[in-house]
Amino acid sequence: MNTPRTLTNRFHPLKSSYSDTPVMVIDTEADPHEILEAARQRIRAASGLLETLYCHKFKEADPSDIPNIVNALYLLTQDGNELLEITRQRLPTTTPEPHPL
């Protein structure tokens, strides 16, 4: 049976949550390739949104859309960053070989 301490260590709450009680978490024991893929999806979505905004005519944009756009970009990049950090922690650490002179 899992103890609360084990669950606390296994499930990493996302910082992008607006609640004191985490409802979205990263399973730190999931396959690192799956975690990396989730990070890639979020970062690509944020990049796609930024590219769309770059090409968009801002004269036609509604100023009330700006908070929605910023919020979407924040959620995507923050979650993607946390997923990448979990993946980095899961990868085996290796000592780099000395560079030949």
PDB file of N, CA and C in Angstrom:
ATOM      1  N   MET A   1       0.845  -1.175   0.000  1.00  0.00           N
ATOM      2  CA  MET A   1       0.000   0.000   0.000  1.00  0.00           C
ATOM      3  C   MET A   1       0.892   1.241   0.000  1.00  0.00           C
ATOM      4  N   ASN A   2       0.480   2.249  -0.734  1.00  0.00           N
ATOM      5  CA  ASN A   2       1.242   3.492  -0.790  1.00  0.00           C
ATOM      6  C   ASN A   2       0.975   4.326   0.456  1.00  0.00           C
ATOM      7  N   THR A   3       2.033   4.852   1.020  1.00  0.00           N
ATOM      8  CA  THR A   3       1.878   5.762   2.150  1.00  0.00           C
ATOM      9  C   THR A   3       1.812   7.180   1.615  1.00  0.00           C
ATOM     10  N   PRO A   4       1.266   8.127   2.394  1.00  0.00           N
ATOM     11  CA  PRO A   4       1.214   9.510   1.925  1.00  0.00           C
ATOM     12  C   PRO A   4       2.590  10.048   1.533  1.00  0.00           C
ATOM     13  N   ARG A   5       3.628   9.649   2.240  1.00  0.00           N
ATOM     14  CA  ARG A   5       4.976  10.121   1.898  1.00  0.00           C
ATOM     15  C   ARG A   5       5.386   9.637   0.507  1.00  0.00           C
ATOM     16  N   THR A   6       5.095   8.373   0.198  1.00  0.00           N
ATOM     17  CA  THR A   6       5.424   7.829  -1.111  1.00  0.00           C
ATOM     18  C   THR A   6       4.651   8.569  -2.196  1.00  0.00           C
ATOM     19  N   LEU A   7       3.370   8.797  -1.971  1.00  0.00           N
ATOM     20  CA  LEU A   7       2.570   9.516  -2.955  1.00  0.00           C
ATOM     21  C   LEU A   7       3.074  10.936  -3.143  1.00  0.00           C
ATOM     22  N   THR A   8       3.502  11.575  -2.064  1.00  0.00           N
ATOM     23  CA  THR A   8       4.023  12.936  -2.154  1.00  0.00           C
ATOM     24  C   THR A   8       5.273  12.966  -3.019  1.00  0.00           C
ATOM     25  N   ASN A   9       6.124  11.963  -2.874  1.00  0.00           N
ATOM     26  CA  ASN A   9       7.354  11.918  -3.657  1.00  0.00           C
ATOM     27  C   ASN A   9       7.094  11.527  -5.103  1.00  0.00           C
ATOM     28  N   ARG A  10       6.082  10.709  -5.334  1.00  0.00           N
ATOM     29  CA  ARG A  10       5.811  10.226  -6.685  1.00  0.00           C
ATOM     30  C   ARG A  10       5.106  11.268  -7.541  1.00  0.00           C
ATOM     31  N   PHE A  11       4.136  11.962  -6.988  1.00  0.00           N
ATOM     32  CA  PHE A  11       3.330  12.885  -7.776  1.00  0.00           C
ATOM     33  C   PHE A  11       3.749  14.322  -7.507  1.00  0.00           C
ATOM     34  N   HIS A  12       4.306  14.951  -8.529  1.00  0.00           N
ATOM     35  CA  HIS A  12       4.811  16.322  -8.440  1.00  0.00           C
ATOM     36  C   HIS A  12       3.692  17.288  -8.877  1.00  0.00           C
ATOM     37  N   PRO A  13       3.207  18.151  -7.983  1.00  0.00           N
ATOM     38  CA  PRO A  13       2.134  19.078  -8.374  1.00  0.00           C
ATOM     39  C   PRO A  13       2.653  20.142  -9.346  1.00  0.00           C
ATOM     40  N   LEU A  14       1.827  20.473 -10.320  1.00  0.00           N
ATOM     41  CA  LEU A  14       2.192  21.513 -11.282  1.00  0.00           C
ATOM     42  C   LEU A  14       2.094  22.885 -10.632  1.00  0.00           C
ATOM     43  N   LYS A  15       3.075  23.728 -10.887  1.00  0.00           N
ATOM     44  CA  LYS A  15       3.090  25.082 -10.327  1.00  0.00           C
ATOM     45  C   LYS A  15       2.029  25.972 -10.960  1.00  0.00           C
ATOM     46  N   SER A  16       1.563  25.592 -12.131  1.00  0.00           N
ATOM     47  CA  SER A  16       0.583  26.422 -12.833  1.00  0.00           C
ATOM     48  C   SER A  16      -0.813  26.315 -12.232  1.00  0.00           C
ATOM     49  N   SER A  17      -0.985  25.500 -11.214  1.00  0.00           N
ATOM     50  CA  SER A  17      -2.286  25.344 -10.562  1.00  0.00           C
ATOM     51  C   SER A  17      -2.650  26.619  -9.807  1.00  0.00           C
ATOM     52  N   TYR A  18      -3.915  26.973  -9.842  1.00  0.00           N
ATOM     53  CA  TYR A  18      -4.381  28.165  -9.142  1.00  0.00           C
ATOM     54  C   TYR A  18      -4.963  27.822  -7.779  1.00  0.00           C
ATOM     55  N   SER A  19      -4.799  26.600  -7.346  1.00  0.00           N
ATOM     56  CA  SER A  19      -5.400  26.131  -6.105  1.00  0.00           C
ATOM     57  C   SER A  19      -4.314  25.695  -5.132  1.00  0.00           C
ATOM     58  N   ASP A  20      -4.630  25.762  -3.843  1.00  0.00           N
ATOM     59  CA  ASP A  20      -3.704  25.257  -2.835  1.00  0.00           C
ATOM     60  C   ASP A  20      -3.654  23.729  -2.835  1.00  0.00           C
ATOM     61  N   THR A  21      -4.712  23.107  -3.312  1.00  0.00           N
ATOM     62  CA  THR A  21      -4.768  21.656  -3.413  1.00  0.00           C
ATOM     63  C   THR A  21      -4.443  21.262  -4.849  1.00  0.00           C
ATOM     64  N   PRO A  22      -3.318  20.579  -5.074  1.00  0.00           N
ATOM     65  CA  PRO A  22      -2.956  20.242  -6.450  1.00  0.00           C
ATOM     66  C   PRO A  22      -3.921  19.238  -7.069  1.00  0.00           C
ATOM     67  N   VAL A  23      -4.450  19.574  -8.215  1.00  0.00           N
ATOM     68  CA  VAL A  23      -5.330  18.655  -8.931  1.00  0.00           C
ATOM     69  C   VAL A  23      -4.649  18.119 -10.182  1.00  0.00           C
ATOM     70  N   MET A  24      -3.615  18.801 -10.626  1.00  0.00           N
ATOM     71  CA  MET A  24      -2.836  18.327 -11.769  1.00  0.00           C
ATOM     72  C   MET A  24      -1.418  18.057 -11.291  1.00  0.00           C
ATOM     73  N   VAL A  25      -0.968  16.842 -11.560  1.00  0.00           N
ATOM     74  CA  VAL A  25       0.347  16.420 -11.082  1.00  0.00           C
ATOM     75  C   VAL A  25       1.088  15.694 -12.187  1.00  0.00           C
ATOM     76  N   ILE A  26       2.400  15.570 -12.009  1.00  0.00           N
ATOM     77  CA  ILE A  26       3.240  14.767 -12.895  1.00  0.00           C
ATOM     78  C   ILE A  26       3.589  13.492 -12.144  1.00  0.00           C
ATOM     79  N   ASP A  27       3.353  12.366 -12.765  1.00  0.00           N
ATOM     80  CA  ASP A  27       3.747  11.086 -12.187  1.00  0.00           C
ATOM     81  C   ASP A  27       5.240  10.924 -12.456  1.00  0.00           C
ATOM     82  N   THR A  28       6.051  11.160 -11.441  1.00  0.00           N
ATOM     83  CA  THR A  28       7.509  11.144 -11.614  1.00  0.00           C
ATOM     84  C   THR A  28       8.042   9.744 -11.901  1.00  0.00           C
ATOM     85  N   GLU A  29       7.215   8.719 -11.725  1.00  0.00           N
ATOM     86  CA  GLU A  29       7.638   7.352 -12.025  1.00  0.00           C
ATOM     87  C   GLU A  29       7.186   6.891 -13.402  1.00  0.00           C
ATOM     88  N   ALA A  30       6.536   7.764 -14.152  1.00  0.00           N
ATOM     89  CA  ALA A  30       6.125   7.424 -15.513  1.00  0.00           C
ATOM     90  C   ALA A  30       7.365   7.276 -16.390  1.00  0.00           C
ATOM     91  N   ASP A  31       7.187   6.622 -17.508  1.00  0.00           N
ATOM     92  CA  ASP A  31       8.284   6.447 -18.468  1.00  0.00           C
ATOM     93  C   ASP A  31       8.827   7.827 -18.857  1.00  0.00           C
ATOM     94  N   PRO A  32      10.136   8.059 -18.702  1.00  0.00           N
ATOM     95  CA  PRO A  32      10.700   9.375 -19.039  1.00  0.00           C
ATOM     96  C   PRO A  32      10.412   9.809 -20.473  1.00  0.00           C
ATOM     97  N   HIS A  33      10.300   8.840 -21.389  1.00  0.00           N
ATOM     98  CA  HIS A  33       9.984   9.193 -22.774  1.00  0.00           C
ATOM     99  C   HIS A  33       8.569   9.760 -22.888  1.00  0.00           C
ATOM    100  N   GLU A  34       7.652   9.227 -22.084  1.00  0.00           N
ATOM    101  CA  GLU A  34       6.278   9.744 -22.078  1.00  0.00           C
ATOM    102  C   GLU A  34       6.229  11.145 -21.466  1.00  0.00           C
ATOM    103  N   ILE A  35       6.989  11.356 -20.413  1.00  0.00           N
ATOM    104  CA  ILE A  35       7.055  12.687 -19.785  1.00  0.00           C
ATOM    105  C   ILE A  35       7.651  13.683 -20.777  1.00  0.00           C
ATOM    106  N   LEU A  36       8.708  13.264 -21.463  1.00  0.00           N
ATOM    107  CA  LEU A  36       9.352  14.129 -22.460  1.00  0.00           C
ATOM    108  C   LEU A  36       8.392  14.462 -23.598  1.00  0.00           C
ATOM    109  N   GLU A  37       7.601  13.489 -24.024  1.00  0.00           N
ATOM    110  CA  GLU A  37       6.628  13.726 -25.094  1.00  0.00           C
ATOM    111  C   GLU A  37       5.554  14.720 -24.645  1.00  0.00           C
ATOM    112  N   ALA A  38       5.114  14.612 -23.394  1.00  0.00           N
ATOM    113  CA  ALA A  38       4.133  15.573 -22.871  1.00  0.00           C
ATOM    114  C   ALA A  38       4.725  16.981 -22.849  1.00  0.00           C
ATOM    115  N   ALA A  39       6.001  17.093 -22.478  1.00  0.00           N
ATOM    116  CA  ALA A  39       6.676  18.396 -22.486  1.00  0.00           C
ATOM    117  C   ALA A  39       6.756  18.937 -23.906  1.00  0.00           C
ATOM    118  N   ARG A  40       7.126  18.076 -24.845  1.00  0.00           N
ATOM    119  CA  ARG A  40       7.249  18.489 -26.251  1.00  0.00           C
ATOM    120  C   ARG A  40       5.911  18.996 -26.785  1.00  0.00           C
ATOM    121  N   GLN A  41       4.822  18.311 -26.453  1.00  0.00           N
ATOM    122  CA  GLN A  41       3.502  18.729 -26.925  1.00  0.00           C
ATOM    123  C   GLN A  41       3.165  20.128 -26.417  1.00  0.00           C
ATOM    124  N   ARG A  42       3.433  20.397 -25.155  1.00  0.00           N
ATOM    125  CA  ARG A  42       3.101  21.703 -24.585  1.00  0.00           C
ATOM    126  C   ARG A  42       3.973  22.811 -25.155  1.00  0.00           C
ATOM    127  N   ILE A  43       5.243  22.536 -25.310  1.00  0.00           N
ATOM    128  CA  ILE A  43       6.146  23.552 -25.846  1.00  0.00           C
ATOM    129  C   ILE A  43       5.844  23.824 -27.314  1.00  0.00           C
ATOM    130  N   ARG A  44       5.516  22.782 -28.069  1.00  0.00           N
ATOM    131  CA  ARG A  44       5.144  22.988 -29.477  1.00  0.00           C
ATOM    132  C   ARG A  44       3.836  23.764 -29.596  1.00  0.00           C
ATOM    133  N   ALA A  45       2.881  23.503 -28.702  1.00  0.00           N
ATOM    134  CA  ALA A  45       1.611  24.240 -28.720  1.00  0.00           C
ATOM    135  C   ALA A  45       1.853  25.717 -28.421  1.00  0.00           C
ATOM    136  N   ALA A  46       2.700  26.002 -27.433  1.00  0.00           N
ATOM    137  CA  ALA A  46       3.028  27.393 -27.104  1.00  0.00           C
ATOM    138  C   ALA A  46       3.744  28.056 -28.272  1.00  0.00           C
ATOM    139  N   SER A  47       4.662  27.334 -28.882  1.00  0.00           N
ATOM    140  CA  SER A  47       5.397  27.876 -30.029  1.00  0.00           C
ATOM    141  C   SER A  47       4.451  28.164 -31.194  1.00  0.00           C
ATOM    142  N   GLY A  48       3.515  27.246 -31.438  1.00  0.00           N
ATOM    143  CA  GLY A  48       2.540  27.450 -32.504  1.00  0.00           C
ATOM    144  C   GLY A  48       1.657  28.663 -32.242  1.00  0.00           C
ATOM    145  N   LEU A  49       1.247  28.829 -30.994  1.00  0.00           N
ATOM    146  CA  LEU A  49       0.431  29.995 -30.633  1.00  0.00           C
ATOM    147  C   LEU A  49       1.225  31.284 -30.832  1.00  0.00           C
ATOM    148  N   LEU A  50       2.480  31.291 -30.408  1.00  0.00           N
ATOM    149  CA  LEU A  50       3.311  32.481 -30.604  1.00  0.00           C
ATOM    150  C   LEU A  50       3.520  32.781 -32.087  1.00  0.00           C
ATOM    151  N   GLU A  51       3.713  31.745 -32.886  1.00  0.00           N
ATOM    152  CA  GLU A  51       3.885  31.955 -34.330  1.00  0.00           C
ATOM    153  C   GLU A  51       2.614  32.529 -34.944  1.00  0.00           C
ATOM    154  N   THR A  52       1.466  32.034 -34.524  1.00  0.00           N
ATOM    155  CA  THR A  52       0.193  32.564 -35.014  1.00  0.00           C
ATOM    156  C   THR A  52       0.042  34.033 -34.630  1.00  0.00           C
ATOM    157  N   LEU A  53       0.370  34.352 -33.379  1.00  0.00           N
ATOM    158  CA  LEU A  53       0.264  35.739 -32.931  1.00  0.00           C
ATOM    159  C   LEU A  53       1.223  36.647 -33.689  1.00  0.00           C
ATOM    160  N   TYR A  54       2.408  36.137 -33.993  1.00  0.00           N
ATOM    161  CA  TYR A  54       3.399  36.913 -34.732  1.00  0.00           C
ATOM    162  C   TYR A  54       2.868  37.281 -36.121  1.00  0.00           C
ATOM    163  N   CYS A  55       2.124  36.370 -36.725  1.00  0.00           N
ATOM    164  CA  CYS A  55       1.592  36.600 -38.069  1.00  0.00           C
ATOM    165  C   CYS A  55       0.245  37.322 -38.058  1.00  0.00           C
ATOM    166  N   HIS A  56      -0.370  37.439 -36.893  1.00  0.00           N
ATOM    167  CA  HIS A  56      -1.704  38.026 -36.763  1.00  0.00           C
ATOM    168  C   HIS A  56      -1.650  39.553 -36.881  1.00  0.00           C
ATOM    169  N   LYS A  57      -2.654  40.138 -37.477  1.00  0.00           N
ATOM    170  CA  LYS A  57      -2.749  41.589 -37.555  1.00  0.00           C
ATOM    171  C   LYS A  57      -3.308  42.106 -36.236  1.00  0.00           C
ATOM    172  N   PHE A  58      -2.475  42.757 -35.462  1.00  0.00           N
ATOM    173  CA  PHE A  58      -2.885  43.188 -34.133  1.00  0.00           C
ATOM    174  C   PHE A  58      -3.896  44.330 -34.173  1.00  0.00           C
ATOM    175  N   LYS A  59      -4.034  45.002 -35.301  1.00  0.00           N
ATOM    176  CA  LYS A  59      -5.041  46.062 -35.406  1.00  0.00           C
ATOM    177  C   LYS A  59      -6.443  45.478 -35.268  1.00  0.00           C
ATOM    178  N   GLU A  60      -6.590  44.203 -35.645  1.00  0.00           N
ATOM    179  CA  GLU A  60      -7.896  43.555 -35.598  1.00  0.00           C
ATOM    180  C   GLU A  60      -8.131  42.816 -34.283  1.00  0.00           C
ATOM    181  N   ALA A  61      -7.128  42.756 -33.443  1.00  0.00           N
ATOM    182  CA  ALA A  61      -7.238  41.989 -32.198  1.00  0.00           C
ATOM    183  C   ALA A  61      -8.058  42.747 -31.159  1.00  0.00           C
ATOM    184  N   ASP A  62      -8.763  42.011 -30.340  1.00  0.00           N
ATOM    185  CA  ASP A  62      -9.531  42.573 -29.238  1.00  0.00           C
ATOM    186  C   ASP A  62      -8.623  42.605 -28.006  1.00  0.00           C
ATOM    187  N   PRO A  63      -8.419  43.777 -27.390  1.00  0.00           N
ATOM    188  CA  PRO A  63      -7.534  43.850 -26.212  1.00  0.00           C
ATOM    189  C   PRO A  63      -7.932  42.905 -25.077  1.00  0.00           C
ATOM    190  N   SER A  64      -9.192  42.533 -25.003  1.00  0.00           N
ATOM    191  CA  SER A  64      -9.614  41.615 -23.940  1.00  0.00           C
ATOM    192  C   SER A  64      -9.083  40.197 -24.165  1.00  0.00           C
ATOM    193  N   ASP A  65      -8.564  39.918 -25.362  1.00  0.00           N
ATOM    194  CA  ASP A  65      -7.994  38.594 -25.646  1.00  0.00           C
ATOM    195  C   ASP A  65      -6.600  38.432 -25.050  1.00  0.00           C
ATOM    196  N   ILE A  66      -5.921  39.523 -24.773  1.00  0.00           N
ATOM    197  CA  ILE A  66      -4.532  39.461 -24.318  1.00  0.00           C
ATOM    198  C   ILE A  66      -4.374  38.639 -23.034  1.00  0.00           C
ATOM    199  N   PRO A  67      -5.190  38.847 -21.984  1.00  0.00           N
ATOM    200  CA  PRO A  67      -5.032  38.007 -20.793  1.00  0.00           C
ATOM    201  C   PRO A  67      -5.247  36.518 -21.076  1.00  0.00           C
ATOM    202  N   ASN A  68      -6.171  36.193 -21.969  1.00  0.00           N
ATOM    203  CA  ASN A  68      -6.408  34.793 -22.324  1.00  0.00           C
ATOM    204  C   ASN A  68      -5.200  34.188 -23.031  1.00  0.00           C
ATOM    205  N   ILE A  69      -4.602  34.946 -23.909  1.00  0.00           N
ATOM    206  CA  ILE A  69      -3.429  34.477 -24.642  1.00  0.00           C
ATOM    207  C   ILE A  69      -2.249  34.296 -23.695  1.00  0.00           C
ATOM    208  N   VAL A  70      -2.028  35.277 -22.844  1.00  0.00           N
ATOM    209  CA  VAL A  70      -0.919  35.195 -21.883  1.00  0.00           C
ATOM    210  C   VAL A  70      -1.118  34.007 -20.945  1.00  0.00           C
ATOM    211  N   ASN A  71      -2.348  33.789 -20.480  1.00  0.00           N
ATOM    212  CA  ASN A  71      -2.627  32.664 -19.589  1.00  0.00           C
ATOM    213  C   ASN A  71      -2.343  31.331 -20.289  1.00  0.00           C
ATOM    214  N   ALA A  72      -2.782  31.196 -21.523  1.00  0.00           N
ATOM    215  CA  ALA A  72      -2.535  29.952 -22.275  1.00  0.00           C
ATOM    216  C   ALA A  72      -1.039  29.720 -22.455  1.00  0.00           C
ATOM    217  N   LEU A  73      -0.311  30.765 -22.813  1.00  0.00           N
ATOM    218  CA  LEU A  73       1.140  30.629 -22.986  1.00  0.00           C
ATOM    219  C   LEU A  73       1.827  30.292 -21.669  1.00  0.00           C
ATOM    220  N   TYR A  74       1.382  30.905 -20.580  1.00  0.00           N
ATOM    221  CA  TYR A  74       1.962  30.606 -19.272  1.00  0.00           C
ATOM    222  C   TYR A  74       1.751  29.140 -18.907  1.00  0.00           C
ATOM    223  N   LEU A  75       0.505  28.665 -19.031  1.00  0.00           N
ATOM    224  CA  LEU A  75       0.215  27.281 -18.667  1.00  0.00           C
ATOM    225  C   LEU A  75       1.033  26.297 -19.500  1.00  0.00           C
ATOM    226  N   LEU A  76       1.083  26.522 -20.789  1.00  0.00           N
ATOM    227  CA  LEU A  76       1.810  25.606 -21.669  1.00  0.00           C
ATOM    228  C   LEU A  76       3.308  25.600 -21.381  1.00  0.00           C
ATOM    229  N   THR A  77       3.897  26.781 -21.231  1.00  0.00           N
ATOM    230  CA  THR A  77       5.349  26.824 -21.019  1.00  0.00           C
ATOM    231  C   THR A  77       5.731  26.387 -19.608  1.00  0.00           C
ATOM    232  N   GLN A  78       4.938  26.753 -18.603  1.00  0.00           N
ATOM    233  CA  GLN A  78       5.248  26.348 -17.225  1.00  0.00           C
ATOM    234  C   GLN A  78       5.142  24.834 -17.076  1.00  0.00           C
ATOM    235  N   ASP A  79       4.064  24.261 -17.585  1.00  0.00           N
ATOM    236  CA  ASP A  79       3.907  22.806 -17.505  1.00  0.00           C
ATOM    237  C   ASP A  79       5.000  22.098 -18.300  1.00  0.00           C
ATOM    238  N   GLY A  80       5.299  22.594 -19.496  1.00  0.00           N
ATOM    239  CA  GLY A  80       6.361  21.998 -20.308  1.00  0.00           C
ATOM    240  C   GLY A  80       7.705  22.054 -19.605  1.00  0.00           C
ATOM    241  N   ASN A  81       7.993  23.175 -18.963  1.00  0.00           N
ATOM    242  CA  ASN A  81       9.249  23.325 -18.235  1.00  0.00           C
ATOM    243  C   ASN A  81       9.336  22.341 -17.074  1.00  0.00           C
ATOM    244  N   GLU A  82       8.249  22.186 -16.331  1.00  0.00           N
ATOM    245  CA  GLU A  82       8.249  21.249 -15.207  1.00  0.00           C
ATOM    246  C   GLU A  82       8.403  19.805 -15.691  1.00  0.00           C
ATOM    247  N   LEU A  83       7.752  19.471 -16.794  1.00  0.00           N
ATOM    248  CA  LEU A  83       7.902  18.131 -17.360  1.00  0.00           C
ATOM    249  C   LEU A  83       9.350  17.880 -17.778  1.00  0.00           C
ATOM    250  N   LEU A  84       9.983  18.881 -18.385  1.00  0.00           N
ATOM    251  CA  LEU A  84      11.388  18.737 -18.762  1.00  0.00           C
ATOM    252  C   LEU A  84      12.274  18.558 -17.540  1.00  0.00           C
ATOM    253  N   GLU A  85      11.981  19.282 -16.463  1.00  0.00           N
ATOM    254  CA  GLU A  85      12.780  19.179 -15.245  1.00  0.00           C
ATOM    255  C   GLU A  85      12.655  17.783 -14.629  1.00  0.00           C
ATOM    256  N   ILE A  86      11.448  17.228 -14.615  1.00  0.00           N
ATOM    257  CA  ILE A  86      11.259  15.870 -14.103  1.00  0.00           C
ATOM    258  C   ILE A  86      12.037  14.881 -14.972  1.00  0.00           C
ATOM    259  N   THR A  87      11.986  15.047 -16.272  1.00  0.00           N
ATOM    260  CA  THR A  87      12.725  14.163 -17.175  1.00  0.00           C
ATOM    261  C   THR A  87      14.219  14.271 -16.907  1.00  0.00           C
ATOM    262  N   ARG A  88      14.717  15.484 -16.727  1.00  0.00           N
ATOM    263  CA  ARG A  88      16.147  15.684 -16.452  1.00  0.00           C
ATOM    264  C   ARG A  88      16.553  14.970 -15.175  1.00  0.00           C
ATOM    265  N   GLN A  89      15.703  15.031 -14.164  1.00  0.00           N
ATOM    266  CA  GLN A  89      16.002  14.367 -12.898  1.00  0.00           C
ATOM    267  C   GLN A  89      16.001  12.850 -13.032  1.00  0.00           C
ATOM    268  N   ARG A  90      15.213  12.333 -13.959  1.00  0.00           N
ATOM    269  CA  ARG A  90      15.101  10.876 -14.131  1.00  0.00           C
ATOM    270  C   ARG A  90      16.226  10.295 -14.964  1.00  0.00           C
ATOM    271  N   LEU A  91      16.852  11.104 -15.804  1.00  0.00           N
ATOM    272  CA  LEU A  91      17.912  10.578 -16.657  1.00  0.00           C
ATOM    273  C   LEU A  91      19.133  10.238 -15.822  1.00  0.00           C
ATOM    274  N   PRO A  92      19.827   9.182 -16.189  1.00  0.00           N
ATOM    275  CA  PRO A  92      21.027   8.829 -15.426  1.00  0.00           C
ATOM    276  C   PRO A  92      22.081   9.918 -15.549  1.00  0.00           C
ATOM    277  N   THR A  93      22.735  10.171 -14.441  1.00  0.00           N
ATOM    278  CA  THR A  93      23.808  11.169 -14.466  1.00  0.00           C
ATOM    279  C   THR A  93      25.090  10.482 -14.900  1.00  0.00           C
ATOM    280  N   THR A  94      25.767  11.127 -15.806  1.00  0.00           N
ATOM    281  CA  THR A  94      27.049  10.602 -16.262  1.00  0.00           C
ATOM    282  C   THR A  94      28.081  11.691 -16.133  1.00  0.00           C
ATOM    283  N   THR A  95      29.274  11.290 -15.865  1.00  0.00           N
ATOM    284  CA  THR A  95      30.374  12.241 -15.781  1.00  0.00           C
ATOM    285  C   THR A  95      30.930  12.417 -17.192  1.00  0.00           C
ATOM    286  N   PRO A  96      30.970  13.651 -17.677  1.00  0.00           N
ATOM    287  CA  PRO A  96      31.476  13.848 -19.037  1.00  0.00           C
ATOM    288  C   PRO A  96      32.957  13.476 -19.114  1.00  0.00           C
ATOM    289  N   GLU A  97      33.311  12.885 -20.240  1.00  0.00           N
ATOM    290  CA  GLU A  97      34.704  12.534 -20.464  1.00  0.00           C
ATOM    291  C   GLU A  97      35.500  13.819 -20.666  1.00  0.00           C
ATOM    292  N   PRO A  98      36.749  13.847 -20.186  1.00  0.00           N
ATOM    293  CA  PRO A  98      37.569  15.034 -20.411  1.00  0.00           C
ATOM    294  C   PRO A  98      37.778  15.266 -21.900  1.00  0.00           C
ATOM    295  N   HIS A  99      37.719  16.507 -22.264  1.00  0.00           N
ATOM    296  CA  HIS A  99      37.911  16.874 -23.668  1.00  0.00           C
ATOM    297  C   HIS A  99      39.392  16.801 -24.008  1.00  0.00           C
ATOM    298  N   PRO A 100      39.775  16.086 -25.080  1.00  0.00           N
ATOM    299  CA  PRO A 100      41.204  15.992 -25.435  1.00  0.00           C
ATOM    300  C   PRO A 100      41.728  17.379 -25.858  1.00  0.00           C
ATOM    301  N   LEU A 101      42.909  17.649 -25.433  1.00  0.00           N
ATOM    302  CA  LEU A 101      43.536  18.940 -25.781  1.00  0.00           C
ATOM    303  C   LEU A 101      44.201  18.895 -27.099  1.00  0.00           C
TER     304      LEU A 101
END
